[in-house]
Amino acid sequence: MAARKKKIEDPKYGELAKELDEILASIEEGQVDIDDLTERAARATELIKLCREKLEATQIEVRKVVAALEEAEEEEEEDEEEEEDDDDEEAPF
């Protein structure tokens, strides 16, 4: 039961998108009873919001990773330049 509760609280993006696609397809195909339409539309709106939040969070994390990689690359280049400078200082000519 705890695993099921966890799944409901933090569904995967793919699961959200799949459910949204199913709702939209059923609406487009006219398979939704008019009495259920409001409920389905509300759920679709909720799913869109959750998907956007996940996308934004992922975008932030990707930016952090890219920034860390760029910083590491800059540090590596600086280290290489310092090594070259040290090598130049050791040469007697």
PDB file of N, CA and C in Angstrom:
ATOM      1  N   MET A   1       0.820  -1.195   0.000  1.00  0.00           N
ATOM      2  CA  MET A   1       0.000   0.000   0.000  1.00  0.00           C
ATOM      3  C   MET A   1       0.864   1.259   0.000  1.00  0.00           C
ATOM      4  N   ALA A   2       1.974   1.240   0.743  1.00  0.00           N
ATOM      5  CA  ALA A   2       2.860   2.400   0.791  1.00  0.00           C
ATOM      6  C   ALA A   2       3.450   2.691  -0.581  1.00  0.00           C
ATOM      7  N   ALA A   3       3.783   1.646  -1.335  1.00  0.00           N
ATOM      8  CA  ALA A   3       4.335   1.848  -2.673  1.00  0.00           C
ATOM      9  C   ALA A   3       3.296   2.496  -3.579  1.00  0.00           C
ATOM     10  N   ARG A   4       2.054   2.071  -3.466  1.00  0.00           N
ATOM     11  CA  ARG A   4       0.994   2.656  -4.283  1.00  0.00           C
ATOM     12  C   ARG A   4       0.785   4.125  -3.921  1.00  0.00           C
ATOM     13  N   LYS A   5       0.820   4.448  -2.635  1.00  0.00           N
ATOM     14  CA  LYS A   5       0.662   5.828  -2.203  1.00  0.00           C
ATOM     15  C   LYS A   5       1.800   6.688  -2.745  1.00  0.00           C
ATOM     16  N   LYS A   6       3.018   6.171  -2.710  1.00  0.00           N
ATOM     17  CA  LYS A   6       4.179   6.893  -3.242  1.00  0.00           C
ATOM     18  C   LYS A   6       3.988   7.163  -4.728  1.00  0.00           C
ATOM     19  N   LYS A   7       3.475   6.175  -5.459  1.00  0.00           N
ATOM     20  CA  LYS A   7       3.270   6.318  -6.892  1.00  0.00           C
ATOM     21  C   LYS A   7       2.255   7.414  -7.187  1.00  0.00           C
ATOM     22  N   ILE A   8       1.219   7.504  -6.393  1.00  0.00           N
ATOM     23  CA  ILE A   8       0.202   8.530  -6.591  1.00  0.00           C
ATOM     24  C   ILE A   8       0.775   9.909  -6.292  1.00  0.00           C
ATOM     25  N   GLU A   9       1.597  10.014  -5.251  1.00  0.00           N
ATOM     26  CA  GLU A   9       2.158  11.296  -4.862  1.00  0.00           C
ATOM     27  C   GLU A   9       3.202  11.805  -5.850  1.00  0.00           C
ATOM     28  N   ASP A  10       3.982  10.920  -6.434  1.00  0.00           N
ATOM     29  CA  ASP A  10       5.060  11.340  -7.322  1.00  0.00           C
ATOM     30  C   ASP A  10       5.088  10.480  -8.585  1.00  0.00           C
ATOM     31  N   PRO A  11       4.082  10.633  -9.435  1.00  0.00           N
ATOM     32  CA  PRO A  11       4.061   9.830 -10.658  1.00  0.00           C
ATOM     33  C   PRO A  11       5.152  10.284 -11.627  1.00  0.00           C
ATOM     34  N   LYS A  12       5.571   9.383 -12.459  1.00  0.00           N
ATOM     35  CA  LYS A  12       6.572   9.681 -13.482  1.00  0.00           C
ATOM     36  C   LYS A  12       5.945  10.539 -14.579  1.00  0.00           C
ATOM     37  N   TYR A  13       6.791  11.329 -15.237  1.00  0.00           N
ATOM     38  CA  TYR A  13       6.317  12.191 -16.316  1.00  0.00           C
ATOM     39  C   TYR A  13       5.618  11.368 -17.395  1.00  0.00           C
ATOM     40  N   GLY A  14       6.207  10.247 -17.756  1.00  0.00           N
ATOM     41  CA  GLY A  14       5.622   9.399 -18.796  1.00  0.00           C
ATOM     42  C   GLY A  14       4.233   8.913 -18.435  1.00  0.00           C
ATOM     43  N   GLU A  15       4.034   8.588 -17.157  1.00  0.00           N
ATOM     44  CA  GLU A  15       2.717   8.147 -16.706  1.00  0.00           C
ATOM     45  C   GLU A  15       1.700   9.279 -16.817  1.00  0.00           C
ATOM     46  N   LEU A  16       2.123  10.478 -16.430  1.00  0.00           N
ATOM     47  CA  LEU A  16       1.236  11.636 -16.524  1.00  0.00           C
ATOM     48  C   LEU A  16       0.870  11.925 -17.972  1.00  0.00           C
ATOM     49  N   ALA A  17       1.869  11.916 -18.841  1.00  0.00           N
ATOM     50  CA  ALA A  17       1.637  12.198 -20.256  1.00  0.00           C
ATOM     51  C   ALA A  17       0.737  11.145 -20.887  1.00  0.00           C
ATOM     52  N   LYS A  18       0.935   9.896 -20.514  1.00  0.00           N
ATOM     53  CA  LYS A  18       0.108   8.818 -21.059  1.00  0.00           C
ATOM     54  C   LYS A  18      -1.354   8.994 -20.641  1.00  0.00           C
ATOM     55  N   GLU A  19      -1.570   9.286 -19.362  1.00  0.00           N
ATOM     56  CA  GLU A  19      -2.944   9.496 -18.891  1.00  0.00           C
ATOM     57  C   GLU A  19      -3.577  10.691 -19.596  1.00  0.00           C
ATOM     58  N   LEU A  20      -2.807  11.756 -19.766  1.00  0.00           N
ATOM     59  CA  LEU A  20      -3.311  12.938 -20.460  1.00  0.00           C
ATOM     60  C   LEU A  20      -3.683  12.600 -21.898  1.00  0.00           C
ATOM     61  N   ASP A  21      -2.814  11.868 -22.586  1.00  0.00           N
ATOM     62  CA  ASP A  21      -3.103  11.453 -23.963  1.00  0.00           C
ATOM     63  C   ASP A  21      -4.384  10.628 -24.039  1.00  0.00           C
ATOM     64  N   GLU A  22      -4.567   9.732 -23.072  1.00  0.00           N
ATOM     65  CA  GLU A  22      -5.768   8.895 -23.059  1.00  0.00           C
ATOM     66  C   GLU A  22      -7.028   9.733 -22.859  1.00  0.00           C
ATOM     67  N   ILE A  23      -6.951  10.701 -21.959  1.00  0.00           N
ATOM     68  CA  ILE A  23      -8.107  11.575 -21.722  1.00  0.00           C
ATOM     69  C   ILE A  23      -8.428  12.374 -22.972  1.00  0.00           C
ATOM     70  N   LEU A  24      -7.399  12.973 -23.570  1.00  0.00           N
ATOM     71  CA  LEU A  24      -7.617  13.786 -24.768  1.00  0.00           C
ATOM     72  C   LEU A  24      -8.161  12.953 -25.918  1.00  0.00           C
ATOM     73  N   ALA A  25      -7.632  11.755 -26.089  1.00  0.00           N
ATOM     74  CA  ALA A  25      -8.111  10.883 -27.164  1.00  0.00           C
ATOM     75  C   ALA A  25      -9.574  10.515 -26.946  1.00  0.00           C
ATOM     76  N   SER A  26      -9.940  10.205 -25.710  1.00  0.00           N
ATOM     77  CA  SER A  26     -11.333   9.827 -25.449  1.00  0.00           C
ATOM     78  C   SER A  26     -12.276  11.003 -25.668  1.00  0.00           C
ATOM     79  N   ILE A  27     -11.820  12.210 -25.348  1.00  0.00           N
ATOM     80  CA  ILE A  27     -12.650  13.397 -25.589  1.00  0.00           C
ATOM     81  C   ILE A  27     -12.785  13.644 -27.084  1.00  0.00           C
ATOM     82  N   GLU A  28     -11.654  13.596 -27.814  1.00  0.00           N
ATOM     83  CA  GLU A  28     -11.674  13.844 -29.259  1.00  0.00           C
ATOM     84  C   GLU A  28     -12.531  12.830 -30.004  1.00  0.00           C
ATOM     85  N   GLU A  29     -12.528  11.597 -29.534  1.00  0.00           N
ATOM     86  CA  GLU A  29     -13.293  10.544 -30.200  1.00  0.00           C
ATOM     87  C   GLU A  29     -14.750  10.513 -29.748  1.00  0.00           C
ATOM     88  N   GLY A  30     -15.116  11.401 -28.841  1.00  0.00           N
ATOM     89  CA  GLY A  30     -16.492  11.460 -28.373  1.00  0.00           C
ATOM     90  C   GLY A  30     -16.876  10.312 -27.466  1.00  0.00           C
ATOM     91  N   GLN A  31     -15.904   9.700 -26.817  1.00  0.00           N
ATOM     92  CA  GLN A  31     -16.164   8.549 -25.958  1.00  0.00           C
ATOM     93  C   GLN A  31     -16.514   8.942 -24.525  1.00  0.00           C
ATOM     94  N   VAL A  32     -16.475  10.219 -24.217  1.00  0.00           N
ATOM     95  CA  VAL A  32     -16.717  10.665 -22.852  1.00  0.00           C
ATOM     96  C   VAL A  32     -18.175  11.069 -22.699  1.00  0.00           C
ATOM     97  N   ASP A  33     -18.806  10.491 -21.706  1.00  0.00           N
ATOM     98  CA  ASP A  33     -20.175  10.863 -21.363  1.00  0.00           C
ATOM     99  C   ASP A  33     -20.165  12.325 -20.928  1.00  0.00           C
ATOM    100  N   ILE A  34     -21.146  13.062 -21.325  1.00  0.00           N
ATOM    101  CA  ILE A  34     -21.201  14.487 -21.005  1.00  0.00           C
ATOM    102  C   ILE A  34     -21.128  14.726 -19.496  1.00  0.00           C
ATOM    103  N   ASP A  35     -21.638  13.785 -18.725  1.00  0.00           N
ATOM    104  CA  ASP A  35     -21.592  13.921 -17.265  1.00  0.00           C
ATOM    105  C   ASP A  35     -20.166  13.800 -16.728  1.00  0.00           C
ATOM    106  N   ASP A  36     -19.300  13.128 -17.445  1.00  0.00           N
ATOM    107  CA  ASP A  36     -17.907  12.944 -17.025  1.00  0.00           C
ATOM    108  C   ASP A  36     -16.958  13.968 -17.645  1.00  0.00           C
ATOM    109  N   LEU A  37     -17.460  14.742 -18.584  1.00  0.00           N
ATOM    110  CA  LEU A  37     -16.595  15.661 -19.328  1.00  0.00           C
ATOM    111  C   LEU A  37     -15.912  16.680 -18.416  1.00  0.00           C
ATOM    112  N   THR A  38     -16.654  17.274 -17.503  1.00  0.00           N
ATOM    113  CA  THR A  38     -16.068  18.269 -16.605  1.00  0.00           C
ATOM    114  C   THR A  38     -14.970  17.653 -15.750  1.00  0.00           C
ATOM    115  N   GLU A  39     -15.236  16.459 -15.238  1.00  0.00           N
ATOM    116  CA  GLU A  39     -14.243  15.767 -14.410  1.00  0.00           C
ATOM    117  C   GLU A  39     -12.990  15.439 -15.221  1.00  0.00           C
ATOM    118  N   ARG A  40     -13.177  14.975 -16.441  1.00  0.00           N
ATOM    119  CA  ARG A  40     -12.024  14.638 -17.299  1.00  0.00           C
ATOM    120  C   ARG A  40     -11.235  15.889 -17.672  1.00  0.00           C
ATOM    121  N   ALA A  41     -11.951  16.969 -17.965  1.00  0.00           N
ATOM    122  CA  ALA A  41     -11.264  18.215 -18.312  1.00  0.00           C
ATOM    123  C   ALA A  41     -10.464  18.738 -17.124  1.00  0.00           C
ATOM    124  N   ALA A  42     -11.024  18.631 -15.927  1.00  0.00           N
ATOM    125  CA  ALA A  42     -10.309  19.067 -14.724  1.00  0.00           C
ATOM    126  C   ALA A  42      -9.065  18.210 -14.501  1.00  0.00           C
ATOM    127  N   ARG A  43      -9.196  16.910 -14.702  1.00  0.00           N
ATOM    128  CA  ARG A  43      -8.043  16.011 -14.543  1.00  0.00           C
ATOM    129  C   ARG A  43      -6.979  16.329 -15.588  1.00  0.00           C
ATOM    130  N   ALA A  44      -7.395  16.605 -16.817  1.00  0.00           N
ATOM    131  CA  ALA A  44      -6.438  16.954 -17.870  1.00  0.00           C
ATOM    132  C   ALA A  44      -5.683  18.228 -17.499  1.00  0.00           C
ATOM    133  N   THR A  45      -6.392  19.198 -16.952  1.00  0.00           N
ATOM    134  CA  THR A  45      -5.756  20.441 -16.521  1.00  0.00           C
ATOM    135  C   THR A  45      -4.733  20.173 -15.421  1.00  0.00           C
ATOM    136  N   GLU A  46      -5.097  19.322 -14.470  1.00  0.00           N
ATOM    137  CA  GLU A  46      -4.181  18.952 -13.390  1.00  0.00           C
ATOM    138  C   GLU A  46      -2.940  18.247 -13.941  1.00  0.00           C
ATOM    139  N   LEU A  47      -3.141  17.356 -14.898  1.00  0.00           N
ATOM    140  CA  LEU A  47      -2.019  16.630 -15.495  1.00  0.00           C
ATOM    141  C   LEU A  47      -1.081  17.572 -16.237  1.00  0.00           C
ATOM    142  N   ILE A  48      -1.644  18.522 -16.953  1.00  0.00           N
ATOM    143  CA  ILE A  48      -0.822  19.503 -17.671  1.00  0.00           C
ATOM    144  C   ILE A  48       0.027  20.290 -16.678  1.00  0.00           C
ATOM    145  N   LYS A  49      -0.582  20.710 -15.573  1.00  0.00           N
ATOM    146  CA  LYS A  49       0.151  21.454 -14.546  1.00  0.00           C
ATOM    147  C   LYS A  49       1.293  20.612 -13.980  1.00  0.00           C
ATOM    148  N   LEU A  50       1.017  19.351 -13.660  1.00  0.00           N
ATOM    149  CA  LEU A  50       2.053  18.472 -13.116  1.00  0.00           C
ATOM    150  C   LEU A  50       3.183  18.248 -14.120  1.00  0.00           C
ATOM    151  N   CYS A  51       2.829  18.064 -15.388  1.00  0.00           N
ATOM    152  CA  CYS A  51       3.852  17.872 -16.428  1.00  0.00           C
ATOM    153  C   CYS A  51       4.737  19.105 -16.547  1.00  0.00           C
ATOM    154  N   ARG A  52       4.125  20.283 -16.535  1.00  0.00           N
ATOM    155  CA  ARG A  52       4.904  21.526 -16.618  1.00  0.00           C
ATOM    156  C   ARG A  52       5.859  21.657 -15.436  1.00  0.00           C
ATOM    157  N   GLU A  53       5.364  21.336 -14.241  1.00  0.00           N
ATOM    158  CA  GLU A  53       6.216  21.419 -13.054  1.00  0.00           C
ATOM    159  C   GLU A  53       7.408  20.480 -13.173  1.00  0.00           C
ATOM    160  N   LYS A  54       7.163  19.278 -13.655  1.00  0.00           N
ATOM    161  CA  LYS A  54       8.255  18.311 -13.816  1.00  0.00           C
ATOM    162  C   LYS A  54       9.247  18.792 -14.879  1.00  0.00           C
ATOM    163  N   LEU A  55       8.737  19.342 -15.967  1.00  0.00           N
ATOM    164  CA  LEU A  55       9.621  19.856 -17.013  1.00  0.00           C
ATOM    165  C   LEU A  55      10.475  21.009 -16.496  1.00  0.00           C
ATOM    166  N   GLU A  56       9.861  21.920 -15.755  1.00  0.00           N
ATOM    167  CA  GLU A  56      10.605  23.053 -15.208  1.00  0.00           C
ATOM    168  C   GLU A  56      11.672  22.584 -14.217  1.00  0.00           C
ATOM    169  N   ALA A  57      11.324  21.626 -13.359  1.00  0.00           N
ATOM    170  CA  ALA A  57      12.294  21.100 -12.395  1.00  0.00           C
ATOM    171  C   ALA A  57      13.453  20.414 -13.114  1.00  0.00           C
ATOM    172  N   THR A  58      13.133  19.680 -14.161  1.00  0.00           N
ATOM    173  CA  THR A  58      14.171  19.002 -14.938  1.00  0.00           C
ATOM    174  C   THR A  58      15.069  20.017 -15.632  1.00  0.00           C
ATOM    175  N   GLN A  59      14.470  21.066 -16.169  1.00  0.00           N
ATOM    176  CA  GLN A  59      15.244  22.108 -16.838  1.00  0.00           C
ATOM    177  C   GLN A  59      16.228  22.756 -15.862  1.00  0.00           C
ATOM    178  N   ILE A  60      15.788  23.019 -14.654  1.00  0.00           N
ATOM    179  CA  ILE A  60      16.667  23.601 -13.637  1.00  0.00           C
ATOM    180  C   ILE A  60      17.827  22.660 -13.325  1.00  0.00           C
ATOM    181  N   GLU A  61      17.526  21.378 -13.157  1.00  0.00           N
ATOM    182  CA  GLU A  61      18.570  20.396 -12.856  1.00  0.00           C
ATOM    183  C   GLU A  61      19.565  20.270 -14.007  1.00  0.00           C
ATOM    184  N   VAL A  62      19.069  20.275 -15.235  1.00  0.00           N
ATOM    185  CA  VAL A  62      19.958  20.181 -16.397  1.00  0.00           C
ATOM    186  C   VAL A  62      20.866  21.403 -16.459  1.00  0.00           C
ATOM    187  N   ARG A  63      20.316  22.574 -16.191  1.00  0.00           N
ATOM    188  CA  ARG A  63      21.137  23.789 -16.190  1.00  0.00           C
ATOM    189  C   ARG A  63      22.239  23.709 -15.135  1.00  0.00           C
ATOM    190  N   LYS A  64      21.909  23.145 -13.968  1.00  0.00           N
ATOM    191  CA  LYS A  64      22.917  22.990 -12.917  1.00  0.00           C
ATOM    192  C   LYS A  64      24.030  22.054 -13.370  1.00  0.00           C
ATOM    193  N   VAL A  65      23.658  20.958 -14.006  1.00  0.00           N
ATOM    194  CA  VAL A  65      24.649  19.991 -14.480  1.00  0.00           C
ATOM    195  C   VAL A  65      25.541  20.627 -15.540  1.00  0.00           C
ATOM    196  N   VAL A  66      24.939  21.342 -16.476  1.00  0.00           N
ATOM    197  CA  VAL A  66      25.707  21.998 -17.537  1.00  0.00           C
ATOM    198  C   VAL A  66      26.658  23.031 -16.931  1.00  0.00           C
ATOM    199  N   ALA A  67      26.171  23.809 -15.977  1.00  0.00           N
ATOM    200  CA  ALA A  67      27.024  24.809 -15.330  1.00  0.00           C
ATOM    201  C   ALA A  67      28.194  24.146 -14.609  1.00  0.00           C
ATOM    202  N   ALA A  68      27.933  23.037 -13.941  1.00  0.00           N
ATOM    203  CA  ALA A  68      29.007  22.320 -13.244  1.00  0.00           C
ATOM    204  C   ALA A  68      30.029  21.778 -14.234  1.00  0.00           C
ATOM    205  N   LEU A  69      29.561  21.258 -15.357  1.00  0.00           N
ATOM    206  CA  LEU A  69      30.477  20.750 -16.382  1.00  0.00           C
ATOM    207  C   LEU A  69      31.321  21.873 -16.969  1.00  0.00           C
ATOM    208  N   GLU A  70      30.686  23.018 -17.235  1.00  0.00           N
ATOM    209  CA  GLU A  70      31.424  24.153 -17.780  1.00  0.00           C
ATOM    210  C   GLU A  70      32.464  24.652 -16.780  1.00  0.00           C
ATOM    211  N   GLU A  71      32.088  24.686 -15.516  1.00  0.00           N
ATOM    212  CA  GLU A  71      33.022  25.120 -14.477  1.00  0.00           C
ATOM    213  C   GLU A  71      34.201  24.160 -14.374  1.00  0.00           C
ATOM    214  N   ALA A  72      33.930  22.872 -14.424  1.00  0.00           N
ATOM    215  CA  ALA A  72      35.000  21.876 -14.360  1.00  0.00           C
ATOM    216  C   ALA A  72      35.923  22.002 -15.569  1.00  0.00           C
ATOM    217  N   GLU A  73      35.347  22.261 -16.720  1.00  0.00           N
ATOM    218  CA  GLU A  73      36.146  22.422 -17.940  1.00  0.00           C
ATOM    219  C   GLU A  73      37.039  23.652 -17.831  1.00  0.00           C
ATOM    220  N   GLU A  74      36.495  24.756 -17.311  1.00  0.00           N
ATOM    221  CA  GLU A  74      37.290  25.967 -17.139  1.00  0.00           C
ATOM    222  C   GLU A  74      38.443  25.729 -16.158  1.00  0.00           C
ATOM    223  N   GLU A  75      38.162  25.025 -15.072  1.00  0.00           N
ATOM    224  CA  GLU A  75      39.214  24.722 -14.098  1.00  0.00           C
ATOM    225  C   GLU A  75      40.297  23.851 -14.720  1.00  0.00           C
ATOM    226  N   GLU A  76      39.886  22.903 -15.539  1.00  0.00           N
ATOM    227  CA  GLU A  76      40.846  22.027 -16.209  1.00  0.00           C
ATOM    228  C   GLU A  76      41.727  22.833 -17.157  1.00  0.00           C
ATOM    229  N   GLU A  77      41.131  23.765 -17.894  1.00  0.00           N
ATOM    230  CA  GLU A  77      41.904  24.605 -18.808  1.00  0.00           C
ATOM    231  C   GLU A  77      42.885  25.479 -18.033  1.00  0.00           C
ATOM    232  N   GLU A  78      42.439  26.024 -16.896  1.00  0.00           N
ATOM    233  CA  GLU A  78      43.324  26.845 -16.072  1.00  0.00           C
ATOM    234  C   GLU A  78      44.493  26.022 -15.543  1.00  0.00           C
ATOM    235  N   ASP A  79      44.209  24.796 -15.121  1.00  0.00           N
ATOM    236  CA  ASP A  79      45.273  23.913 -14.634  1.00  0.00           C
ATOM    237  C   ASP A  79      46.280  23.622 -15.739  1.00  0.00           C
ATOM    238  N   GLU A  80      45.790  23.381 -16.952  1.00  0.00           N
ATOM    239  CA  GLU A  80      46.684  23.115 -18.078  1.00  0.00           C
ATOM    240  C   GLU A  80      47.547  24.332 -18.377  1.00  0.00           C
ATOM    241  N   GLU A  81      46.950  25.529 -18.315  1.00  0.00           N
ATOM    242  CA  GLU A  81      47.711  26.749 -18.563  1.00  0.00           C
ATOM    243  C   GLU A  81      48.787  26.942 -17.494  1.00  0.00           C
ATOM    244  N   GLU A  82      48.451  26.658 -16.245  1.00  0.00           N
ATOM    245  CA  GLU A  82      49.428  26.781 -15.167  1.00  0.00           C
ATOM    246  C   GLU A  82      50.569  25.795 -15.354  1.00  0.00           C
ATOM    247  N   GLU A  83      50.262  24.583 -15.789  1.00  0.00           N
ATOM    248  CA  GLU A  83      51.301  23.584 -16.038  1.00  0.00           C
ATOM    249  C   GLU A  83      52.217  24.039 -17.164  1.00  0.00           C
ATOM    250  N   GLU A  84      51.631  24.632 -18.209  1.00  0.00           N
ATOM    251  CA  GLU A  84      52.441  25.134 -19.317  1.00  0.00           C
ATOM    252  C   GLU A  84      53.341  26.267 -18.841  1.00  0.00           C
ATOM    253  N   ASP A  85      52.800  27.154 -17.998  1.00  0.00           N
ATOM    254  CA  ASP A  85      53.600  28.254 -17.463  1.00  0.00           C
ATOM    255  C   ASP A  85      54.734  27.720 -16.598  1.00  0.00           C
ATOM    256  N   ASP A  86      54.457  26.705 -15.799  1.00  0.00           N
ATOM    257  CA  ASP A  86      55.492  26.098 -14.958  1.00  0.00           C
ATOM    258  C   ASP A  86      56.575  25.462 -15.822  1.00  0.00           C
ATOM    259  N   ASP A  87      56.193  24.825 -16.905  1.00  0.00           N
ATOM    260  CA  ASP A  87      57.162  24.208 -17.808  1.00  0.00           C
ATOM    261  C   ASP A  87      58.041  25.270 -18.451  1.00  0.00           C
ATOM    262  N   ASP A  88      57.457  26.415 -18.814  1.00  0.00           N
ATOM    263  CA  ASP A  88      58.214  27.494 -19.442  1.00  0.00           C
ATOM    264  C   ASP A  88      59.225  28.092 -18.465  1.00  0.00           C
ATOM    265  N   GLU A  89      58.876  28.184 -17.206  1.00  0.00           N
ATOM    266  CA  GLU A  89      59.765  28.769 -16.206  1.00  0.00           C
ATOM    267  C   GLU A  89      60.974  27.879 -15.941  1.00  0.00           C
ATOM    268  N   GLU A  90      60.837  26.585 -16.104  1.00  0.00           N
ATOM    269  CA  GLU A  90      61.927  25.657 -15.835  1.00  0.00           C
ATOM    270  C   GLU A  90      62.981  25.672 -16.942  1.00  0.00           C
ATOM    271  N   ALA A  91      62.632  26.078 -18.133  1.00  0.00           N
ATOM    272  CA  ALA A  91      63.583  26.071 -19.244  1.00  0.00           C
ATOM    273  C   ALA A  91      64.622  27.174 -19.032  1.00  0.00           C
ATOM    274  N   PRO A  92      65.916  26.845 -19.134  1.00  0.00           N
ATOM    275  CA  PRO A  92      66.966  27.848 -18.902  1.00  0.00           C
ATOM    276  C   PRO A  92      67.100  28.835 -20.055  1.00  0.00           C
ATOM    277  N   PHE A  93      66.547  28.548 -21.190  1.00  0.00           N
ATOM    278  CA  PHE A  93      66.732  29.438 -22.344  1.00  0.00           C
ATOM    279  C   PHE A  93      65.494  30.163 -22.674  1.00  0.00           C
TER     280      PHE A  93
END
